[in-house]
C-alpha atoms as a PDB file:
ATOM      1  CA  MET A   1      29.041 -42.999  23.453  1.00  0.00           C
ATOM      2  CA  LYS A   2      25.357 -43.834  23.422  1.00  0.00           C
ATOM      3  CA  ASN A   3      24.488 -40.488  25.031  1.00  0.00           C
ATOM      4  CA  SER A   4      26.530 -38.496  22.495  1.00  0.00           C
ATOM      5  CA  GLY A   5      24.521 -40.094  19.664  1.00  0.00           C
ATOM      6  CA  ILE A   6      21.266 -39.109  21.350  1.00  0.00           C
ATOM      7  CA  TYR A   7      22.545 -35.566  21.943  1.00  0.00           C
ATOM      8  CA  THR A   8      23.577 -35.291  18.301  1.00  0.00           C
ATOM      9  CA  LEU A   9      20.174 -36.522  17.138  1.00  0.00           C
ATOM     10  CA  VAL A  10      18.348 -34.071  19.443  1.00  0.00           C
ATOM     11  CA  LEU A  11      20.575 -31.219  18.231  1.00  0.00           C
ATOM     12  CA  LEU A  12      19.829 -32.091  14.583  1.00  0.00           C
ATOM     13  CA  VAL A  13      16.070 -32.174  15.230  1.00  0.00           C
ATOM     14  CA  ILE A  14      16.221 -28.785  16.949  1.00  0.00           C
ATOM     15  CA  LEU A  15      18.247 -27.281  14.097  1.00  0.00           C
ATOM     16  CA  MET A  16      15.883 -28.651  11.453  1.00  0.00           C
ATOM     17  CA  ALA A  17      12.826 -27.364  13.329  1.00  0.00           C
ATOM     18  CA  SER A  18      14.305 -23.887  13.714  1.00  0.00           C
ATOM     19  CA  CYS A  19      15.192 -23.702  10.019  1.00  0.00           C
ATOM     20  CA  ARG A  20      11.673 -24.714   8.991  1.00  0.00           C
ATOM     21  CA  GLY A  21      10.122 -21.950  11.090  1.00  0.00           C
ATOM     22  CA  ALA A  22      12.327 -19.195   9.712  1.00  0.00           C
ATOM     23  CA  THR A  23      10.969 -17.011   6.927  1.00  0.00           C
ATOM     24  CA  ASP A  24      12.968 -15.488   4.145  1.00  0.00           C
ATOM     25  CA  LYS A  25      12.357 -11.813   4.976  1.00  0.00           C
ATOM     26  CA  GLU A  26      13.684 -10.540   1.641  1.00  0.00           C
ATOM     27  CA  ALA A  27      11.438 -12.929  -0.311  1.00  0.00           C
ATOM     28  CA  GLU A  28       8.460 -11.841   1.817  1.00  0.00           C
ATOM     29  CA  LYS A  29       9.282  -8.168   1.219  1.00  0.00           C
ATOM     30  CA  GLN A  30       9.419  -8.776  -2.535  1.00  0.00           C
ATOM     31  CA  ALA A  31       6.108 -10.671  -2.426  1.00  0.00           C
ATOM     32  CA  ILE A  32       4.539  -7.700  -0.599  1.00  0.00           C
ATOM     33  CA  ILE A  33       5.896  -5.225  -3.164  1.00  0.00           C
ATOM     34  CA  ASP A  34       4.557  -7.453  -5.955  1.00  0.00           C
ATOM     35  CA  VAL A  35       1.052  -7.443  -4.401  1.00  0.00           C
ATOM     36  CA  ILE A  36       1.117  -3.656  -3.960  1.00  0.00           C
ATOM     37  CA  ASN A  37       2.204  -3.117  -7.568  1.00  0.00           C
ATOM     38  CA  ALA A  38      -0.366  -5.611  -8.887  1.00  0.00           C
ATOM     39  CA  GLU A  39      -3.149  -3.896  -6.908  1.00  0.00           C
ATOM     40  CA  THR A  40      -2.091  -0.513  -8.330  1.00  0.00           C
ATOM     41  CA  GLN A  41      -2.027  -1.885 -11.882  1.00  0.00           C
ATOM     42  CA  ALA A  42      -5.478  -3.457 -11.445  1.00  0.00           C
ATOM     43  CA  TYR A  43      -6.739  -0.067 -10.216  1.00  0.00           C
ATOM     44  CA  MET A  44      -5.272   1.666 -13.265  1.00  0.00           C
ATOM     45  CA  ASP A  45      -6.920  -0.987 -15.470  1.00  0.00           C
ATOM     46  CA  PHE A  46     -10.318  -0.338 -13.781  1.00  0.00           C
ATOM     47  CA  ASP A  47     -10.452  -4.060 -12.889  1.00  0.00           C
ATOM     48  CA  PHE A  48     -12.765  -4.043  -9.869  1.00  0.00           C
ATOM     49  CA  ASP A  49     -12.709  -7.829  -9.256  1.00  0.00           C
ATOM     50  CA  LYS A  50      -8.920  -7.969  -9.343  1.00  0.00           C
ATOM     51  CA  VAL A  51      -8.503  -4.912  -7.096  1.00  0.00           C
ATOM     52  CA  VAL A  52     -10.796  -6.242  -4.374  1.00  0.00           C
ATOM     53  CA  SER A  53      -9.065  -9.642  -4.489  1.00  0.00           C
ATOM     54  CA  TYR A  54      -6.005  -8.016  -2.889  1.00  0.00           C
ATOM     55  CA  TYR A  55      -7.899  -6.908   0.233  1.00  0.00           C
ATOM     56  CA  ILE A  56      -8.923  -8.437   3.540  1.00  0.00           C
ATOM     57  CA  GLN A  57     -12.702  -8.219   3.327  1.00  0.00           C
ATOM     58  CA  ASP A  58     -13.805  -7.735   6.917  1.00  0.00           C
ATOM     59  CA  SER A  59     -15.129  -5.058   9.245  1.00  0.00           C
ATOM     60  CA  LEU A  60     -11.621  -4.036  10.340  1.00  0.00           C
ATOM     61  CA  ASN A  61     -10.400  -3.081   6.860  1.00  0.00           C
ATOM     62  CA  PHE A  62     -10.165   0.655   6.441  1.00  0.00           C
ATOM     63  CA  ARG A  63      -8.790   3.286   4.111  1.00  0.00           C
ATOM     64  CA  LEU A  64      -7.587   6.773   4.949  1.00  0.00           C
ATOM     65  CA  THR A  65      -6.606   9.291   2.285  1.00  0.00           C
ATOM     66  CA  SER A  66      -5.632  12.882   2.769  1.00  0.00           C
ATOM     67  CA  GLY A  67      -4.436  15.439   0.280  1.00  0.00           C
ATOM     68  CA  ALA A  68      -4.656  19.068  -0.712  1.00  0.00           C
ATOM     69  CA  ASP A  69      -8.106  18.587  -2.233  1.00  0.00           C
ATOM     70  CA  ASP A  70      -9.782  15.827  -0.244  1.00  0.00           C
ATOM     71  CA  HIS A  71      -9.876  13.732   2.935  1.00  0.00           C
ATOM     72  CA  VAL A  72     -11.580  10.337   3.016  1.00  0.00           C
ATOM     73  CA  PHE A  73     -11.962   7.828   5.835  1.00  0.00           C
ATOM     74  CA  LEU A  74     -13.654   4.522   5.031  1.00  0.00           C
ATOM     75  CA  GLN A  75     -14.251   1.998   7.796  1.00  0.00           C
ATOM     76  CA  GLY A  76     -15.137  -1.627   7.205  1.00  0.00           C
ATOM     77  CA  TRP A  77     -15.171  -3.644   4.025  1.00  0.00           C
ATOM     78  CA  ASP A  78     -18.651  -2.481   2.978  1.00  0.00           C
ATOM     79  CA  GLU A  79     -17.462   1.140   2.757  1.00  0.00           C
ATOM     80  CA  VAL A  80     -14.119   0.243   1.133  1.00  0.00           C
ATOM     81  CA  GLU A  81     -15.830  -1.971  -1.459  1.00  0.00           C
ATOM     82  CA  ALA A  82     -18.421   0.748  -2.213  1.00  0.00           C
ATOM     83  CA  PHE A  83     -15.558   3.198  -2.799  1.00  0.00           C
ATOM     84  CA  PHE A  84     -13.898   0.847  -5.309  1.00  0.00           C
ATOM     85  CA  ARG A  85     -17.228   0.058  -6.978  1.00  0.00           C
ATOM     86  CA  ASP A  86     -17.852   3.794  -7.451  1.00  0.00           C
ATOM     87  CA  GLU A  87     -14.294   4.530  -8.614  1.00  0.00           C
ATOM     88  CA  LEU A  88     -13.842   1.555 -10.934  1.00  0.00           C
ATOM     89  CA  ILE A  89     -17.285   0.596 -12.209  1.00  0.00           C
ATOM     90  CA  GLU A  90     -19.847   3.355 -11.810  1.00  0.00           C
ATOM     91  CA  GLU A  91     -17.732   6.441 -12.502  1.00  0.00           C
ATOM     92  CA  ASP A  92     -16.518   7.185 -16.023  1.00  0.00           C
ATOM     93  CA  PRO A  93     -12.765   7.706 -16.139  1.00  0.00           C
ATOM     94  CA  ASP A  94     -12.030  11.404 -16.274  1.00  0.00           C
ATOM     95  CA  THR A  95      -8.989  11.084 -18.530  1.00  0.00           C
ATOM     96  CA  SER A  96      -8.832  11.663 -22.244  1.00  0.00           C
ATOM     97  CA  GLY A  97      -7.696   8.959 -24.645  1.00  0.00           C
ATOM     98  CA  ASP A  98      -4.294  10.553 -25.167  1.00  0.00           C
ATOM     99  CA  THR A  99      -3.476  10.745 -21.451  1.00  0.00           C
ATOM    100  CA  ARG A 100      -0.617   8.523 -20.385  1.00  0.00           C
ATOM    101  CA  ILE A 101      -0.379   7.583 -16.718  1.00  0.00           C
ATOM    102  CA  HIS A 102       2.762   6.289 -15.065  1.00  0.00           C
ATOM    103  CA  VAL A 103       2.918   5.225 -11.426  1.00  0.00           C
ATOM    104  CA  ALA A 104       6.198   4.751  -9.595  1.00  0.00           C
ATOM    105  CA  LYS A 105       6.720   3.563  -6.046  1.00  0.00           C
ATOM    106  CA  ASP A 106      10.055   3.718  -4.271  1.00  0.00           C
ATOM    107  CA  ASN A 107      11.748   4.185  -0.932  1.00  0.00           C
ATOM    108  CA  TYR A 108      10.054   1.098   0.518  1.00  0.00           C
ATOM    109  CA  ARG A 109      10.389   0.497   4.261  1.00  0.00           C
ATOM    110  CA  ILE A 110       8.906  -2.850   5.248  1.00  0.00           C
ATOM    111  CA  LYS A 111       8.772  -4.546   8.612  1.00  0.00           C
ATOM    112  CA  VAL A 112       7.739  -8.199   8.232  1.00  0.00           C
ATOM    113  CA  TYR A 113       6.240 -10.200  11.072  1.00  0.00           C
ATOM    114  CA  GLU A 114       5.132 -13.826  11.025  1.00  0.00           C
ATOM    115  CA  ARG A 115       1.731 -13.218   9.356  1.00  0.00           C
ATOM    116  CA  SER A 116       1.631  -9.442   8.944  1.00  0.00           C
ATOM    117  CA  ALA A 117       3.705  -6.556   7.650  1.00  0.00           C
ATOM    118  CA  TYR A 118       3.943  -2.807   8.076  1.00  0.00           C
ATOM    119  CA  VAL A 119       4.788  -1.042   4.797  1.00  0.00           C
ATOM    120  CA  LEU A 120       5.770   2.536   3.938  1.00  0.00           C
ATOM    121  CA  CYS A 121       6.593   3.798   0.463  1.00  0.00           C
ATOM    122  CA  ASP A 122       6.598   6.930  -1.654  1.00  0.00           C
ATOM    123  CA  GLU A 123       4.424   7.061  -4.760  1.00  0.00           C
ATOM    124  CA  THR A 124       4.362   9.356  -7.784  1.00  0.00           C
ATOM    125  CA  TRP A 125       1.544   9.419 -10.348  1.00  0.00           C
ATOM    126  CA  THR A 126       2.535  11.209 -13.563  1.00  0.00           C
ATOM    127  CA  TYR A 127      -0.212  12.199 -16.008  1.00  0.00           C
ATOM    128  CA  THR A 128       0.978  13.256 -19.471  1.00  0.00           C
ATOM    129  CA  THR A 129      -1.376  14.740 -22.058  1.00  0.00           C
ATOM    130  CA  GLY A 130       0.382  16.206 -25.075  1.00  0.00           C
ATOM    131  CA  GLU A 131       2.936  18.575 -23.606  1.00  0.00           C
ATOM    132  CA  ASP A 132       1.188  18.915 -20.231  1.00  0.00           C
ATOM    133  CA  VAL A 133       2.582  16.935 -17.311  1.00  0.00           C
ATOM    134  CA  ILE A 134       0.959  16.710 -13.891  1.00  0.00           C
ATOM    135  CA  GLU A 135       2.747  14.945 -11.065  1.00  0.00           C
ATOM    136  CA  ILE A 136       1.066  13.875  -7.829  1.00  0.00           C
ATOM    137  CA  ASN A 137       3.240  12.697  -4.947  1.00  0.00           C
ATOM    138  CA  SER A 138       2.150  10.786  -1.860  1.00  0.00           C
ATOM    139  CA  ARG A 139       3.397   8.749   1.054  1.00  0.00           C
ATOM    140  CA  GLN A 140       1.658   5.409   1.557  1.00  0.00           C
ATOM    141  CA  VAL A 141       1.209   3.379   4.706  1.00  0.00           C
ATOM    142  CA  ARG A 142      -0.183  -0.137   4.454  1.00  0.00           C
ATOM    143  CA  PHE A 143      -0.789  -2.908   6.907  1.00  0.00           C
ATOM    144  CA  MET A 144      -0.717  -6.304   5.234  1.00  0.00           C
ATOM    145  CA  GLU A 145      -1.825  -9.708   6.495  1.00  0.00           C
ATOM    146  CA  LYS A 146      -0.830 -13.103   5.175  1.00  0.00           C
ATOM    147  CA  VAL A 147      -3.908 -15.237   4.519  1.00  0.00           C
ATOM    148  CA  ASN A 148      -3.554 -18.767   3.148  1.00  0.00           C
ATOM    149  CA  GLY A 149      -0.023 -17.970   1.993  1.00  0.00           C
ATOM    150  CA  GLU A 150      -0.991 -14.726   0.179  1.00  0.00           C
ATOM    151  CA  TRP A 151      -0.391 -11.136   1.249  1.00  0.00           C
ATOM    152  CA  LYS A 152      -3.573  -9.050   1.519  1.00  0.00           C
ATOM    153  CA  ILE A 153      -4.177  -5.376   2.305  1.00  0.00           C
ATOM    154  CA  ALA A 154      -5.887  -4.781   5.659  1.00  0.00           C
ATOM    155  CA  PHE A 155      -5.302  -1.022   5.828  1.00  0.00           C
ATOM    156  CA  LEU A 156      -4.302   1.526   3.199  1.00  0.00           C
ATOM    157  CA  SER A 157      -3.510   5.157   3.772  1.00  0.00           C
ATOM    158  CA  PHE A 158      -1.966   7.649   1.484  1.00  0.00           C
ATOM    159  CA  ILE A 159      -1.107  11.187   2.312  1.00  0.00           C
ATOM    160  CA  GLY A 160      -0.663  13.614  -0.543  1.00  0.00           C
ATOM    161  CA  THR A 161       2.636  15.446  -0.326  1.00  0.00           C
ATOM    162  CA  SER A 162       2.094  17.700  -3.351  1.00  0.00           C
ATOM    163  CA  GLY A 163      -0.547  20.116  -4.581  1.00  0.00           C
ATOM    164  CA  TYR A 164      -0.731  22.236  -1.446  1.00  0.00           C
ATOM    165  CA  ALA A 165      -0.832  26.010  -1.638  1.00  0.00           C
ATOM    166  CA  GLU A 166       2.454  27.724  -0.989  1.00  0.00           C
ATOM    167  CA  GLU A 167       2.856  29.660   2.264  1.00  0.00           C
ATOM    168  CA  GLU A 168       2.559  33.002   0.424  1.00  0.00           C
ATOM    169  CA  GLU A 169      -0.731  31.928  -1.211  1.00  0.00           C
ATOM    170  CA  LEU A 170      -2.133  30.943   2.171  1.00  0.00           C
ATOM    171  CA  GLU A 171      -1.170  34.298   3.674  1.00  0.00           C
ATOM    172  CA  GLU A 172      -2.878  36.119   0.768  1.00  0.00           C
ATOM    173  CA  MET A 173      -6.035  34.116   1.509  1.00  0.00           C
ATOM    174  CA  GLY A 174      -5.850  35.236   5.149  1.00  0.00           C
ATOM    175  CA  VAL A 175      -4.859  31.824   6.511  1.00  0.00           C
ATOM    176  CA  ARG A 176      -2.672  32.080   9.596  1.00  0.00           C
ATOM    177  CA  PHE A 177      -0.662  29.244  10.952  1.00  0.00           C
ATOM    178  CA  ASN A 178       1.949  28.584  13.565  1.00  0.00           C
ATOM    179  CA  SER A 179       5.084  26.789  12.634  1.00  0.00           C
ATOM    180  CA  VAL A 180       7.745  25.375  14.872  1.00  0.00           C
ATOM    181  CA  ARG A 181      11.162  26.512  13.829  1.00  0.00           C
END
């Protein structure tokens, strides 16, 4: 009888310890999405201090962007911070006062680890000026780290999936390419 009480106590301690170590993956995923959306909103608001607060600020942080018009690779926090400083402080916004910008992210795929996460999502920026509408689509990849209980961005990449010349336009320009069919 004495041994069964000890076994029960040991079993309870083990169960309590295992419950404490478990993370609520859905809550973590939502917290990650909230950070990503807040960082995007801060960027749209040209709030440099808020934007950089969402990032890991070390030599391993990097940013990779690729689209129809540009390719940028920034390595280390000094380069990433200089990019944001230029974009959000030193450069005048190139949008007129009547331009409305809407950003939507969807199709999230998130893999959460103990103190890090791998995130994929689709993003659409819609610029509306009067009757003109421009839509820019991209696929984002982010690596997030949890620091002092907060999710931070350690790596950000977005690949533009719109704005590329059509195959016929490329052929007219003399561009040849091989495609696997």
